[in-house]
């Protein structure tokens, strides 16, 4: 999976961090709010937001794992490994 930062902005006492996640051409946009703390680095905000979003990202990846794959009803199996 590839993660790109799509949003990084202050909202009151929180930092909104948004990700665009790409999993073999399937895309998910997800944002999380992280409390602002004096001295915290941008990387720390991003890591905290990713930690908060990870279970949702993992569930989305599992739900879309077979989307786009070819199906052979004669053999009751997927054709090839790539979507």
PDB file of N, CA and C in Angstrom:
ATOM      1  N   UNK A   1       0.841  -1.176   0.000  1.00  0.00           N
ATOM      2  CA  UNK A   1       0.000   0.000   0.000  1.00  0.00           C
ATOM      3  C   UNK A   1       0.886   1.237   0.000  1.00  0.00           C
ATOM      4  N   UNK A   2       0.378   2.263  -0.635  1.00  0.00           N
ATOM      5  CA  UNK A   2       1.084   3.539  -0.677  1.00  0.00           C
ATOM      6  C   UNK A   2       0.231   4.579   0.037  1.00  0.00           C
ATOM      7  N   UNK A   3       0.871   5.352   0.910  1.00  0.00           N
ATOM      8  CA  UNK A   3       0.192   6.387   1.683  1.00  0.00           C
ATOM      9  C   UNK A   3       0.719   7.753   1.257  1.00  0.00           C
ATOM     10  N   UNK A   4      -0.190   8.660   0.903  1.00  0.00           N
ATOM     11  CA  UNK A   4       0.182  10.045   0.605  1.00  0.00           C
ATOM     12  C   UNK A   4      -0.610  10.942   1.535  1.00  0.00           C
ATOM     13  N   UNK A   5       0.050  12.002   2.008  1.00  0.00           N
ATOM     14  CA  UNK A   5      -0.633  12.957   2.868  1.00  0.00           C
ATOM     15  C   UNK A   5      -1.475  13.866   1.967  1.00  0.00           C
ATOM     16  N   UNK A   6      -2.789  13.906   2.203  1.00  0.00           N
ATOM     17  CA  UNK A   6      -3.676  14.742   1.400  1.00  0.00           C
ATOM     18  C   UNK A   6      -4.133  15.980   2.155  1.00  0.00           C
ATOM     19  N   UNK A   7      -4.068  15.923   3.491  1.00  0.00           N
ATOM     20  CA  UNK A   7      -4.500  17.039   4.318  1.00  0.00           C
ATOM     21  C   UNK A   7      -3.579  17.139   5.531  1.00  0.00           C
ATOM     22  N   UNK A   8      -3.199  18.368   5.877  1.00  0.00           N
ATOM     23  CA  UNK A   8      -2.424  18.609   7.087  1.00  0.00           C
ATOM     24  C   UNK A   8      -2.712  20.036   7.509  1.00  0.00           C
ATOM     25  N   UNK A   9      -3.721  20.203   8.401  1.00  0.00           N
ATOM     26  CA  UNK A   9      -4.147  21.550   8.761  1.00  0.00           C
ATOM     27  C   UNK A   9      -4.619  21.603  10.203  1.00  0.00           C
ATOM     28  N   UNK A  10      -4.568  22.800  10.757  1.00  0.00           N
ATOM     29  CA  UNK A  10      -4.983  23.012  12.139  1.00  0.00           C
ATOM     30  C   UNK A  10      -6.473  23.326  12.189  1.00  0.00           C
ATOM     31  N   UNK A  11      -7.151  22.657  13.128  1.00  0.00           N
ATOM     32  CA  UNK A  11      -8.575  22.909  13.388  1.00  0.00           C
ATOM     33  C   UNK A  11      -8.728  23.067  14.898  1.00  0.00           C
ATOM     34  N   UNK A  12      -8.761  24.309  15.353  1.00  0.00           N
ATOM     35  CA  UNK A  12      -8.868  24.557  16.790  1.00  0.00           C
ATOM     36  C   UNK A  12      -7.639  24.036  17.508  1.00  0.00           C
ATOM     37  N   UNK A  13      -7.851  23.104  18.448  1.00  0.00           N
ATOM     38  CA  UNK A  13      -6.727  22.538  19.189  1.00  0.00           C
ATOM     39  C   UNK A  13      -6.295  21.177  18.636  1.00  0.00           C
ATOM     40  N   UNK A  14      -6.679  20.909  17.377  1.00  0.00           N
ATOM     41  CA  UNK A  14      -6.328  19.631  16.746  1.00  0.00           C
ATOM     42  C   UNK A  14      -5.664  19.845  15.391  1.00  0.00           C
ATOM     43  N   UNK A  15      -4.981  18.845  14.966  1.00  0.00           N
ATOM     44  CA  UNK A  15      -4.374  18.818  13.636  1.00  0.00           C
ATOM     45  C   UNK A  15      -5.130  17.766  12.828  1.00  0.00           C
ATOM     46  N   UNK A  16      -5.673  18.172  11.669  1.00  0.00           N
ATOM     47  CA  UNK A  16      -6.333  17.218  10.774  1.00  0.00           C
ATOM     48  C   UNK A  16      -5.280  16.685   9.824  1.00  0.00           C
ATOM     49  N   UNK A  17      -5.118  15.372   9.858  1.00  0.00           N
ATOM     50  CA  UNK A  17      -4.177  14.701   8.961  1.00  0.00           C
ATOM     51  C   UNK A  17      -4.987  13.756   8.085  1.00  0.00           C
ATOM     52  N   UNK A  18      -4.862  13.926   6.782  1.00  0.00           N
ATOM     53  CA  UNK A  18      -5.596  13.094   5.847  1.00  0.00           C
ATOM     54  C   UNK A  18      -4.655  12.303   4.972  1.00  0.00           C
ATOM     55  N   UNK A  19      -5.055  11.100   4.676  1.00  0.00           N
ATOM     56  CA  UNK A  19      -4.270  10.200   3.831  1.00  0.00           C
ATOM     57  C   UNK A  19      -5.057   9.828   2.589  1.00  0.00           C
ATOM     58  N   UNK A  20      -4.360   9.656   1.480  1.00  0.00           N
ATOM     59  CA  UNK A  20      -4.893   9.006   0.295  1.00  0.00           C
ATOM     60  C   UNK A  20      -4.132   7.687   0.220  1.00  0.00           C
ATOM     61  N   UNK A  21      -4.848   6.602   0.406  1.00  0.00           N
ATOM     62  CA  UNK A  21      -4.242   5.278   0.423  1.00  0.00           C
ATOM     63  C   UNK A  21      -4.521   4.606  -0.916  1.00  0.00           C
ATOM     64  N   UNK A  22      -3.475   4.073  -1.527  1.00  0.00           N
ATOM     65  CA  UNK A  22      -3.604   3.367  -2.811  1.00  0.00           C
ATOM     66  C   UNK A  22      -3.179   1.921  -2.593  1.00  0.00           C
ATOM     67  N   UNK A  23      -4.089   1.019  -2.900  1.00  0.00           N
ATOM     68  CA  UNK A  23      -3.817  -0.410  -2.771  1.00  0.00           C
ATOM     69  C   UNK A  23      -4.111  -1.060  -4.115  1.00  0.00           C
ATOM     70  N   UNK A  24      -3.084  -1.196  -4.939  1.00  0.00           N
ATOM     71  CA  UNK A  24      -3.233  -1.794  -6.275  1.00  0.00           C
ATOM     72  C   UNK A  24      -4.302  -1.087  -7.107  1.00  0.00           C
ATOM     73  N   UNK A  25      -4.283   0.243  -7.070  1.00  0.00           N
ATOM     74  CA  UNK A  25      -5.215   1.021  -7.873  1.00  0.00           C
ATOM     75  C   UNK A  25      -6.526   1.337  -7.189  1.00  0.00           C
ATOM     76  N   UNK A  26      -6.807   0.692  -6.079  1.00  0.00           N
ATOM     77  CA  UNK A  26      -8.008   1.021  -5.298  1.00  0.00           C
ATOM     78  C   UNK A  26      -7.620   2.118  -4.327  1.00  0.00           C
ATOM     79  N   UNK A  27      -8.471   3.125  -4.175  1.00  0.00           N
ATOM     80  CA  UNK A  27      -8.114   4.300  -3.379  1.00  0.00           C
ATOM     81  C   UNK A  27      -9.083   4.515  -2.225  1.00  0.00           C
ATOM     82  N   UNK A  28      -8.504   4.970  -1.116  1.00  0.00           N
ATOM     83  CA  UNK A  28      -9.275   5.324   0.074  1.00  0.00           C
ATOM     84  C   UNK A  28      -8.768   6.658   0.588  1.00  0.00           C
ATOM     85  N   UNK A  29      -9.693   7.589   0.859  1.00  0.00           N
ATOM     86  CA  UNK A  29      -9.357   8.854   1.507  1.00  0.00           C
ATOM     87  C   UNK A  29      -9.848   8.767   2.946  1.00  0.00           C
ATOM     88  N   UNK A  30      -8.957   9.077   3.882  1.00  0.00           N
ATOM     89  CA  UNK A  30      -9.320   8.998   5.296  1.00  0.00           C
ATOM     90  C   UNK A  30      -8.601  10.106   6.059  1.00  0.00           C
ATOM     91  N   UNK A  31      -9.326  10.763   6.955  1.00  0.00           N
ATOM     92  CA  UNK A  31      -8.778  11.834   7.794  1.00  0.00           C
ATOM     93  C   UNK A  31      -8.916  11.462   9.259  1.00  0.00           C
ATOM     94  N   UNK A  32      -7.976  11.946  10.069  1.00  0.00           N
ATOM     95  CA  UNK A  32      -8.040  11.782  11.515  1.00  0.00           C
ATOM     96  C   UNK A  32      -7.616  13.079  12.173  1.00  0.00           C
ATOM     97  N   UNK A  33      -8.196  13.376  13.340  1.00  0.00           N
ATOM     98  CA  UNK A  33      -7.821  14.536  14.133  1.00  0.00           C
ATOM     99  C   UNK A  33      -6.901  14.088  15.256  1.00  0.00           C
ATOM    100  N   UNK A  34      -5.809  14.838  15.428  1.00  0.00           N
ATOM    101  CA  UNK A  34      -4.825  14.551  16.469  1.00  0.00           C
ATOM    102  C   UNK A  34      -4.678  15.812  17.308  1.00  0.00           C
ATOM    103  N   UNK A  35      -4.679  15.675  18.621  1.00  0.00           N
ATOM    104  CA  UNK A  35      -4.536  16.819  19.514  1.00  0.00           C
ATOM    105  C   UNK A  35      -3.167  17.472  19.353  1.00  0.00           C
ATOM    106  N   UNK A  36      -3.167  18.796  19.257  1.00  0.00           N
ATOM    107  CA  UNK A  36      -1.914  19.548  19.125  1.00  0.00           C
ATOM    108  C   UNK A  36      -1.186  19.570  20.464  1.00  0.00           C
ATOM    109  N   UNK A  37       0.115  19.294  20.415  1.00  0.00           N
ATOM    110  CA  UNK A  37       0.974  19.311  21.595  1.00  0.00           C
ATOM    111  C   UNK A  37       2.202  20.145  21.257  1.00  0.00           C
ATOM    112  N   UNK A  38       2.553  21.092  22.131  1.00  0.00           N
ATOM    113  CA  UNK A  38       3.736  21.924  21.905  1.00  0.00           C
ATOM    114  C   UNK A  38       4.972  21.063  21.706  1.00  0.00           C
ATOM    115  N   UNK A  39       5.758  21.396  20.678  1.00  0.00           N
ATOM    116  CA  UNK A  39       7.008  20.700  20.418  1.00  0.00           C
ATOM    117  C   UNK A  39       6.876  19.419  19.618  1.00  0.00           C
ATOM    118  N   UNK A  40       5.665  19.013  19.304  1.00  0.00           N
ATOM    119  CA  UNK A  40       5.457  17.776  18.536  1.00  0.00           C
ATOM    120  C   UNK A  40       5.816  18.011  17.074  1.00  0.00           C
ATOM    121  N   UNK A  41       6.475  17.061  16.449  1.00  0.00           N
ATOM    122  CA  UNK A  41       6.888  17.197  15.053  1.00  0.00           C
ATOM    123  C   UNK A  41       5.760  16.827  14.106  1.00  0.00           C
ATOM    124  N   UNK A  42       5.872  17.313  12.869  1.00  0.00           N
ATOM    125  CA  UNK A  42       4.894  16.945  11.837  1.00  0.00           C
ATOM    126  C   UNK A  42       4.857  15.434  11.657  1.00  0.00           C
ATOM    127  N   UNK A  43       6.021  14.810  11.684  1.00  0.00           N
ATOM    128  CA  UNK A  43       6.086  13.350  11.527  1.00  0.00           C
ATOM    129  C   UNK A  43       5.319  12.643  12.641  1.00  0.00           C
ATOM    130  N   UNK A  44       5.389  13.177  13.844  1.00  0.00           N
ATOM    131  CA  UNK A  44       4.667  12.569  14.967  1.00  0.00           C
ATOM    132  C   UNK A  44       3.159  12.678  14.779  1.00  0.00           C
ATOM    133  N   UNK A  45       2.694  13.834  14.284  1.00  0.00           N
ATOM    134  CA  UNK A  45       1.259  13.977  14.010  1.00  0.00           C
ATOM    135  C   UNK A  45       0.812  12.976  12.947  1.00  0.00           C
ATOM    136  N   UNK A  46       1.621  12.841  11.911  1.00  0.00           N
ATOM    137  CA  UNK A  46       1.268  11.901  10.837  1.00  0.00           C
ATOM    138  C   UNK A  46       1.243  10.478  11.380  1.00  0.00           C
ATOM    139  N   UNK A  47       2.237  10.099  12.169  1.00  0.00           N
ATOM    140  CA  UNK A  47       2.274   8.736  12.720  1.00  0.00           C
ATOM    141  C   UNK A  47       1.088   8.483  13.642  1.00  0.00           C
ATOM    142  N   UNK A  48       0.745   9.461  14.485  1.00  0.00           N
ATOM    143  CA  UNK A  48      -0.412   9.307  15.379  1.00  0.00           C
ATOM    144  C   UNK A  48      -1.709   9.157  14.586  1.00  0.00           C
ATOM    145  N   UNK A  49      -1.851   9.942  13.526  1.00  0.00           N
ATOM    146  CA  UNK A  49      -3.051   9.848  12.693  1.00  0.00           C
ATOM    147  C   UNK A  49      -3.117   8.500  11.990  1.00  0.00           C
ATOM    148  N   UNK A  50      -1.978   8.027  11.493  1.00  0.00           N
ATOM    149  CA  UNK A  50      -1.966   6.721  10.830  1.00  0.00           C
ATOM    150  C   UNK A  50      -2.313   5.613  11.815  1.00  0.00           C
ATOM    151  N   UNK A  51      -1.780   5.695  13.013  1.00  0.00           N
ATOM    152  CA  UNK A  51      -2.112   4.706  14.043  1.00  0.00           C
ATOM    153  C   UNK A  51      -3.613   4.697  14.308  1.00  0.00           C
ATOM    154  N   UNK A  52      -4.219   5.891  14.385  1.00  0.00           N
ATOM    155  CA  UNK A  52      -5.664   5.993  14.626  1.00  0.00           C
ATOM    156  C   UNK A  52      -6.487   5.464  13.454  1.00  0.00           C
ATOM    157  N   UNK A  53      -5.958   5.575  12.239  1.00  0.00           N
ATOM    158  CA  UNK A  53      -6.698   5.166  11.042  1.00  0.00           C
ATOM    159  C   UNK A  53      -6.426   3.722  10.622  1.00  0.00           C
ATOM    160  N   UNK A  54      -5.386   3.103  11.156  1.00  0.00           N
ATOM    161  CA  UNK A  54      -4.902   1.823  10.627  1.00  0.00           C
ATOM    162  C   UNK A  54      -5.950   0.717  10.615  1.00  0.00           C
ATOM    163  N   UNK A  55      -6.755   0.599  11.664  1.00  0.00           N
ATOM    164  CA  UNK A  55      -7.751  -0.488  11.679  1.00  0.00           C
ATOM    165  C   UNK A  55      -8.795  -0.291  10.578  1.00  0.00           C
ATOM    166  N   UNK A  56      -9.183   0.959  10.301  1.00  0.00           N
ATOM    167  CA  UNK A  56     -10.124   1.229   9.215  1.00  0.00           C
ATOM    168  C   UNK A  56      -9.486   0.955   7.849  1.00  0.00           C
ATOM    169  N   UNK A  57      -8.226   1.315   7.711  1.00  0.00           N
ATOM    170  CA  UNK A  57      -7.507   1.058   6.459  1.00  0.00           C
ATOM    171  C   UNK A  57      -7.382  -0.443   6.224  1.00  0.00           C
ATOM    172  N   UNK A  58      -7.036  -1.176   7.263  1.00  0.00           N
ATOM    173  CA  UNK A  58      -6.901  -2.634   7.141  1.00  0.00           C
ATOM    174  C   UNK A  58      -8.229  -3.289   6.773  1.00  0.00           C
ATOM    175  N   UNK A  59      -9.323  -2.832   7.385  1.00  0.00           N
ATOM    176  CA  UNK A  59     -10.648  -3.394   7.075  1.00  0.00           C
ATOM    177  C   UNK A  59     -11.020  -3.093   5.625  1.00  0.00           C
ATOM    178  N   UNK A  60     -10.762  -1.868   5.169  1.00  0.00           N
ATOM    179  CA  UNK A  60     -11.037  -1.498   3.781  1.00  0.00           C
ATOM    180  C   UNK A  60     -10.222  -2.365   2.823  1.00  0.00           C
ATOM    181  N   UNK A  61      -8.939  -2.557   3.115  1.00  0.00           N
ATOM    182  CA  UNK A  61      -8.078  -3.366   2.249  1.00  0.00           C
ATOM    183  C   UNK A  61      -8.597  -4.803   2.169  1.00  0.00           C
ATOM    184  N   UNK A  62      -9.035  -5.351   3.289  1.00  0.00           N
ATOM    185  CA  UNK A  62      -9.570  -6.719   3.295  1.00  0.00           C
ATOM    186  C   UNK A  62     -10.872  -6.795   2.497  1.00  0.00           C
ATOM    187  N   UNK A  63     -11.731  -5.794   2.646  1.00  0.00           N
ATOM    188  CA  UNK A  63     -13.018  -5.780   1.938  1.00  0.00           C
ATOM    189  C   UNK A  63     -12.852  -5.667   0.434  1.00  0.00           C
ATOM    190  N   UNK A  64     -11.785  -5.019  -0.015  1.00  0.00           N
ATOM    191  CA  UNK A  64     -11.599  -4.793  -1.448  1.00  0.00           C
ATOM    192  C   UNK A  64     -10.574  -5.737  -2.077  1.00  0.00           C
ATOM    193  N   UNK A  65     -10.116  -6.714  -1.329  1.00  0.00           N
ATOM    194  CA  UNK A  65      -9.043  -7.596  -1.805  1.00  0.00           C
ATOM    195  C   UNK A  65      -9.382  -8.323  -3.102  1.00  0.00           C
ATOM    196  N   UNK A  66     -10.639  -8.663  -3.319  1.00  0.00           N
ATOM    197  CA  UNK A  66     -10.996  -9.413  -4.528  1.00  0.00           C
ATOM    198  C   UNK A  66     -11.621  -8.543  -5.622  1.00  0.00           C
ATOM    199  N   UNK A  67     -11.838  -7.273  -5.319  1.00  0.00           N
ATOM    200  CA  UNK A  67     -12.442  -6.367  -6.305  1.00  0.00           C
ATOM    201  C   UNK A  67     -11.520  -6.243  -7.511  1.00  0.00           C
ATOM    202  N   UNK A  68     -12.076  -6.480  -8.688  1.00  0.00           N
ATOM    203  CA  UNK A  68     -11.320  -6.365  -9.921  1.00  0.00           C
ATOM    204  C   UNK A  68     -10.679  -7.661 -10.392  1.00  0.00           C
ATOM    205  N   UNK A  69     -10.692  -8.695  -9.548  1.00  0.00           N
ATOM    206  CA  UNK A  69     -10.127  -9.974  -9.981  1.00  0.00           C
ATOM    207  C   UNK A  69     -11.095 -10.664 -10.923  1.00  0.00           C
ATOM    208  N   UNK A  70     -10.556 -11.469 -11.808  1.00  0.00           N
ATOM    209  CA  UNK A  70     -11.378 -12.260 -12.727  1.00  0.00           C
ATOM    210  C   UNK A  70     -11.750 -13.568 -12.037  1.00  0.00           C
ATOM    211  N   UNK A  71     -12.967 -14.045 -12.337  1.00  0.00           N
ATOM    212  CA  UNK A  71     -13.503 -15.239 -11.705  1.00  0.00           C
ATOM    213  C   UNK A  71     -13.823 -16.287 -12.761  1.00  0.00           C
ATOM    214  N   UNK A  72     -13.418 -17.516 -12.517  1.00  0.00           N
ATOM    215  CA  UNK A  72     -13.729 -18.622 -13.407  1.00  0.00           C
ATOM    216  C   UNK A  72     -14.768 -19.500 -12.716  1.00  0.00           C
ATOM    217  N   UNK A  73     -16.038 -19.435 -13.176  1.00  0.00           N
ATOM    218  CA  UNK A  73     -17.081 -20.231 -12.532  1.00  0.00           C
ATOM    219  C   UNK A  73     -16.923 -21.728 -12.773  1.00  0.00           C
ATOM    220  N   UNK A  74     -16.198 -22.118 -13.815  1.00  0.00           N
ATOM    221  CA  UNK A  74     -16.002 -23.545 -14.081  1.00  0.00           C
ATOM    222  C   UNK A  74     -15.085 -24.200 -13.056  1.00  0.00           C
ATOM    223  N   UNK A  75     -14.083 -23.443 -12.610  1.00  0.00           N
ATOM    224  CA  UNK A  75     -13.143 -23.991 -11.629  1.00  0.00           C
ATOM    225  C   UNK A  75     -13.403 -23.458 -10.223  1.00  0.00           C
ATOM    226  N   UNK A  76     -14.375 -22.536 -10.124  1.00  0.00           N
ATOM    227  CA  UNK A  76     -14.701 -21.916  -8.838  1.00  0.00           C
ATOM    228  C   UNK A  76     -13.474 -21.280  -8.188  1.00  0.00           C
ATOM    229  N   UNK A  77     -12.716 -20.505  -9.019  1.00  0.00           N
ATOM    230  CA  UNK A  77     -11.496 -19.890  -8.512  1.00  0.00           C
ATOM    231  C   UNK A  77     -11.179 -18.614  -9.290  1.00  0.00           C
ATOM    232  N   UNK A  78     -10.292 -17.820  -8.696  1.00  0.00           N
ATOM    233  CA  UNK A  78      -9.834 -16.607  -9.361  1.00  0.00           C
ATOM    234  C   UNK A  78      -8.852 -16.963 -10.463  1.00  0.00           C
ATOM    235  N   UNK A  79      -8.808 -16.122 -11.477  1.00  0.00           N
ATOM    236  CA  UNK A  79      -7.890 -16.312 -12.596  1.00  0.00           C
ATOM    237  C   UNK A  79      -6.726 -15.365 -12.399  1.00  0.00           C
ATOM    238  N   UNK A  80      -5.536 -15.885 -12.237  1.00  0.00           N
ATOM    239  CA  UNK A  80      -4.346 -15.048 -12.055  1.00  0.00           C
ATOM    240  C   UNK A  80      -4.301 -14.448 -10.671  1.00  0.00           C
ATOM    241  N   UNK A  81      -3.183 -13.802 -10.379  1.00  0.00           N
ATOM    242  CA  UNK A  81      -2.985 -13.206  -9.066  1.00  0.00           C
ATOM    243  C   UNK A  81      -3.318 -11.738  -9.018  1.00  0.00           C
ATOM    244  N   UNK A  82      -3.187 -11.044 -10.150  1.00  0.00           N
ATOM    245  CA  UNK A  82      -3.381  -9.587 -10.156  1.00  0.00           C
ATOM    246  C   UNK A  82      -4.818  -9.231 -10.461  1.00  0.00           C
ATOM    247  N   UNK A  83      -5.295  -8.126  -9.875  1.00  0.00           N
ATOM    248  CA  UNK A  83      -6.647  -7.681 -10.191  1.00  0.00           C
ATOM    249  C   UNK A  83      -6.755  -7.187 -11.620  1.00  0.00           C
TER     250      UNK A  83
END
